[in-house]
Structure formats: C-alpha cells, structure tokens
Amino acid sequence: MSDQKAAGLLGVFTHLDGLRQALRECRDREIPVLEVYSPVPPGEEVLELVQPSRSPVRFATLGGAVAGLVSGFGLALLSTAVWELVVGGKPVYSIIPFMVVGFELTILLGALFTLLGLLLFARLPYRRFPSPAYRPEFSADRFGLWLGCSAEQAAEARGLLERADALEVQEVDQPQAARQVS
C-alpha cells in the first residue's frame, strides 16, 4: 500500500462496551472516526465520543433573520418616504409600526433561510450509495467502527481495535467521497 492512499479499518464488535472503549482510544489518539454502525440507538456517551461537528445551518438562520430585519425596516422606511401619510397625528417616521414589519420579515426570512441552509448543508436531494464498510450484520446483532487512518496509523489503529476486543478487524478501501479529516 502506498503512502498516498488512505487506508480505512473496520472493527466489528459484539458488545457496545468494546465499541465505547475503541471510541475513547480513537479520541485520545486523534484517529478520525468515519462511521459508527449499531443495531440499536447507541446512547449519549457514544454520540459524545464521536464528537459530531456543529451544524452551519445556524449561520444561515442568523443571516436570514438579519436580512429580514434590515429589509423590513427598509420596506417601512421607503414606503413612508414615498407616501407620507399622517395617521392620527403621529409622526411619519415612527419606530413602533416599523418594528412590526421588521419582526415579521425577521421570522419569515429566518425560517426560509433555515430551510434552504438545511437543504444545502445536508446535500439534499442526495443519492447515497452503500458505504463500503457496511455489512448487514450491523443491523442485526453487531456493532461496527470504521476508522479513517493513514498508512502510518494503520498498525496503531489495528492494535487499538484488537485491544478493545474487536471480533474482527479488516481493511476497507475508502472511496474519495468518504474520506474525512477530523
């Protein structure tokens, strides 16, 4: 195997405890975890050990909310500048009616940008091809841990999985799309 090609190792576990131990060691040694397979919901501890990245959708929501607030106030200001309607003796440029329009557009654009951000960052619609590391037994009674490691880390990762009582450890070829750097 050349140094340029990334290797992936798949560890198959019979118990969740072995999977947790392997995840702890991967986190300590900074070995990237590509996927975790489990026949049951693995629980909060496994999710914390995998350390998923924070979603960038929140920035889309913030951008939409700010754009909605600015456009709401802009719409109200421009409409009062064009049609100077004095209602009930109040000043033409009054902040209270502007806040209602700004609030409504903040909510509207914030929600729309959240939906668009979700679709964009989740890469929907997305045709997901089967993972090269997935096995049908991961839906029945086994747990799986797919590690992405360089050729230099392969021996260390193999030993880590074996110390965590992996039933078997095998090398998995990673397609370019599945490679991840943690």
Protein backbone atom coordinates (compact mmCIF):
# COMPACT_ATOMS: atom_id res chain seq x y z
CA MET A 1 0.00 0.00 0.00
CA SER A 2 1.42 3.38 -0.93
CA ASP A 3 1.71 6.28 1.48
CA GLN A 4 -0.52 8.43 -0.72
CA LYS A 5 -3.52 6.14 -0.43
CA ALA A 6 -5.57 6.40 2.74
CA ALA A 7 -6.46 3.17 4.49
CA GLY A 8 -9.61 2.51 6.41
CA LEU A 9 -10.03 -0.08 9.10
CA LEU A 10 -13.31 -1.66 10.12
CA GLY A 11 -13.68 -3.17 13.56
CA VAL A 12 -16.61 -5.47 14.26
CA PHE A 13 -17.74 -5.72 17.89
CA THR A 14 -20.22 -8.00 19.64
CA HIS A 15 -20.76 -5.65 22.61
CA LEU A 16 -21.32 -1.93 22.95
CA ASP A 17 -18.67 -1.71 25.69
CA GLY A 18 -15.91 -2.67 23.25
CA LEU A 19 -17.14 -0.04 20.80
CA ARG A 20 -17.10 2.61 23.52
CA GLN A 21 -13.57 1.66 24.57
CA ALA A 22 -12.35 1.87 20.97
CA LEU A 23 -14.04 5.26 20.52
CA ARG A 24 -12.36 6.60 23.68
CA GLU A 25 -8.94 5.49 22.46
CA CYS A 26 -9.58 6.94 18.99
CA ARG A 27 -10.47 10.26 20.55
CA ASP A 28 -7.35 10.22 22.74
CA ARG A 29 -5.06 9.36 19.81
CA GLU A 30 -6.88 11.63 17.35
CA ILE A 31 -7.71 8.89 14.86
CA PRO A 32 -10.65 10.03 12.72
CA VAL A 33 -13.88 8.05 13.01
CA LEU A 34 -15.71 7.86 9.68
CA GLU A 35 -18.83 5.95 10.72
CA VAL A 36 -20.26 4.01 13.64
CA TYR A 37 -22.73 1.20 12.93
CA SER A 38 -25.14 -0.01 15.58
CA PRO A 39 -28.24 -2.23 15.59
CA VAL A 40 -29.71 -0.18 18.47
CA PRO A 41 -29.53 3.50 19.39
CA PRO A 42 -26.06 3.73 20.94
CA GLY A 43 -26.83 6.40 23.54
CA GLU A 44 -25.44 9.77 24.54
CA GLU A 45 -21.97 8.55 25.50
CA VAL A 46 -21.24 7.23 22.01
CA LEU A 47 -22.52 10.46 20.46
CA GLU A 48 -20.25 12.49 22.73
CA LEU A 49 -17.27 10.28 21.88
CA VAL A 50 -17.84 10.65 18.14
CA GLN A 51 -17.99 14.45 18.58
CA PRO A 52 -20.08 15.44 15.58
CA SER A 53 -19.30 18.85 14.18
CA ARG A 54 -21.65 21.72 14.89
CA SER A 55 -24.17 22.46 12.20
CA PRO A 56 -23.57 25.50 10.00
CA VAL A 57 -27.34 25.88 9.49
CA ARG A 58 -27.44 28.29 12.44
CA PHE A 59 -25.42 30.80 10.42
CA ALA A 60 -27.96 30.59 7.59
CA THR A 61 -30.72 31.26 10.13
CA LEU A 62 -28.85 34.25 11.54
CA GLY A 63 -28.19 35.62 8.05
CA GLY A 64 -31.84 35.26 7.11
CA ALA A 65 -33.00 36.91 10.33
CA VAL A 66 -30.66 39.88 9.88
CA ALA A 67 -31.67 40.21 6.22
CA GLY A 68 -35.33 40.09 7.23
CA LEU A 69 -34.90 42.76 9.91
CA VAL A 70 -32.99 45.09 7.59
CA SER A 71 -35.40 44.56 4.70
CA GLY A 72 -38.43 45.01 6.99
CA PHE A 73 -37.17 48.33 8.29
CA GLY A 74 -36.09 49.32 4.77
CA LEU A 75 -39.51 48.49 3.37
CA ALA A 76 -41.25 50.50 6.08
CA LEU A 77 -38.89 53.46 5.69
CA LEU A 78 -39.17 53.55 1.92
CA SER A 79 -42.95 53.23 1.92
CA THR A 80 -43.32 56.11 4.40
CA ALA A 81 -40.83 58.18 2.39
CA VAL A 82 -42.88 57.71 -0.79
CA TRP A 83 -46.32 58.10 0.80
CA GLU A 84 -46.17 60.47 3.75
CA LEU A 85 -49.43 59.53 5.39
CA VAL A 86 -50.11 61.24 8.70
CA VAL A 87 -52.31 58.93 10.73
CA GLY A 88 -53.82 60.13 13.98
CA GLY A 89 -51.35 62.98 14.32
CA LYS A 90 -48.41 60.61 14.81
CA PRO A 91 -45.03 61.35 13.22
CA VAL A 92 -44.48 59.95 9.73
CA TYR A 93 -41.33 58.09 10.75
CA SER A 94 -42.49 56.23 13.87
CA ILE A 95 -40.47 53.28 15.18
CA ILE A 96 -43.40 51.23 16.51
CA PRO A 97 -45.02 50.32 13.15
CA PHE A 98 -41.56 49.69 11.68
CA MET A 99 -40.86 47.10 14.39
CA VAL A 100 -43.94 45.08 13.45
CA VAL A 101 -42.87 44.83 9.80
CA GLY A 102 -39.25 44.17 10.77
CA PHE A 103 -40.26 41.43 13.21
CA GLU A 104 -42.49 39.69 10.68
CA LEU A 105 -39.81 39.68 7.98
CA THR A 106 -37.18 38.56 10.50
CA ILE A 107 -39.25 35.47 11.30
CA LEU A 108 -40.16 34.82 7.66
CA LEU A 109 -36.67 35.12 6.18
CA GLY A 110 -35.07 33.38 9.17
CA ALA A 111 -37.33 30.36 8.63
CA LEU A 112 -36.80 30.34 4.86
CA PHE A 113 -33.01 30.61 5.16
CA THR A 114 -33.07 27.83 7.77
CA LEU A 115 -34.88 25.56 5.34
CA LEU A 116 -32.52 26.48 2.50
CA GLY A 117 -29.48 26.03 4.73
CA LEU A 118 -30.74 22.63 5.85
CA LEU A 119 -31.22 21.51 2.25
CA LEU A 120 -27.84 22.92 1.22
CA PHE A 121 -25.72 21.57 4.09
CA ALA A 122 -27.49 18.21 4.20
CA ARG A 123 -26.83 17.93 0.46
CA LEU A 124 -30.44 17.10 -0.28
CA PRO A 125 -31.54 15.58 -2.56
CA TYR A 126 -28.70 13.12 -2.12
CA ARG A 127 -28.25 9.71 -3.59
CA ARG A 128 -26.25 7.80 -1.07
CA PHE A 129 -24.54 4.73 -2.34
CA PRO A 130 -23.93 1.93 0.13
CA SER A 131 -20.96 2.51 2.36
CA PRO A 132 -18.04 0.22 1.52
CA ALA A 133 -17.74 -0.66 5.21
CA TYR A 134 -21.40 -1.53 5.87
CA ARG A 135 -22.39 -5.13 6.49
CA PRO A 136 -25.91 -6.50 7.02
CA GLU A 137 -24.94 -7.88 10.44
CA PHE A 138 -24.67 -4.29 11.73
CA SER A 139 -28.47 -4.13 11.51
CA ALA A 140 -28.91 -7.40 13.37
CA ASP A 141 -26.53 -8.02 16.28
CA ARG A 142 -23.09 -6.49 15.70
CA PHE A 143 -21.52 -3.07 16.17
CA GLY A 144 -19.09 -1.58 13.69
CA LEU A 145 -16.48 1.15 13.80
CA TRP A 146 -14.98 2.48 10.57
CA LEU A 147 -11.76 4.39 11.14
CA GLY A 148 -10.05 6.57 8.59
CA CYS A 149 -6.32 6.39 9.06
CA SER A 150 -3.20 6.95 7.06
CA ALA A 151 -0.86 4.11 6.23
CA GLU A 152 1.37 5.17 9.13
CA GLN A 153 -1.54 4.99 11.60
CA ALA A 154 -2.89 1.66 10.33
CA ALA A 155 -0.82 -0.53 12.67
CA GLU A 156 -1.67 1.62 15.69
CA ALA A 157 -5.38 1.65 14.80
CA ARG A 158 -5.39 -2.13 14.26
CA GLY A 159 -3.86 -2.66 17.70
CA LEU A 160 -6.35 -0.24 19.23
CA LEU A 161 -9.29 -2.17 17.77
CA GLU A 162 -7.88 -5.52 18.86
CA ARG A 163 -7.30 -4.26 22.43
CA ALA A 164 -10.95 -3.19 22.51
CA ASP A 165 -11.99 -6.82 21.85
CA ALA A 166 -12.95 -6.45 18.22
CA LEU A 167 -14.32 -9.67 16.82
CA GLU A 168 -12.52 -8.97 13.56
CA VAL A 169 -10.54 -6.14 12.02
CA GLN A 170 -10.35 -5.71 8.28
CA GLU A 171 -9.02 -3.13 5.90
CA VAL A 172 -11.61 -1.22 3.88
CA ASP A 173 -10.82 0.73 0.75
CA GLN A 174 -12.19 4.25 1.06
CA PRO A 175 -13.66 5.93 -1.97
CA GLN A 176 -12.67 9.57 -2.39
CA ALA A 177 -16.11 10.84 -1.29
CA ALA A 178 -15.98 9.03 2.06
CA ARG A 179 -12.64 10.40 3.22
CA GLN A 180 -12.88 12.73 6.15
CA VAL A 181 -10.28 14.61 8.12
CA SER A 182 -11.13 15.17 11.77
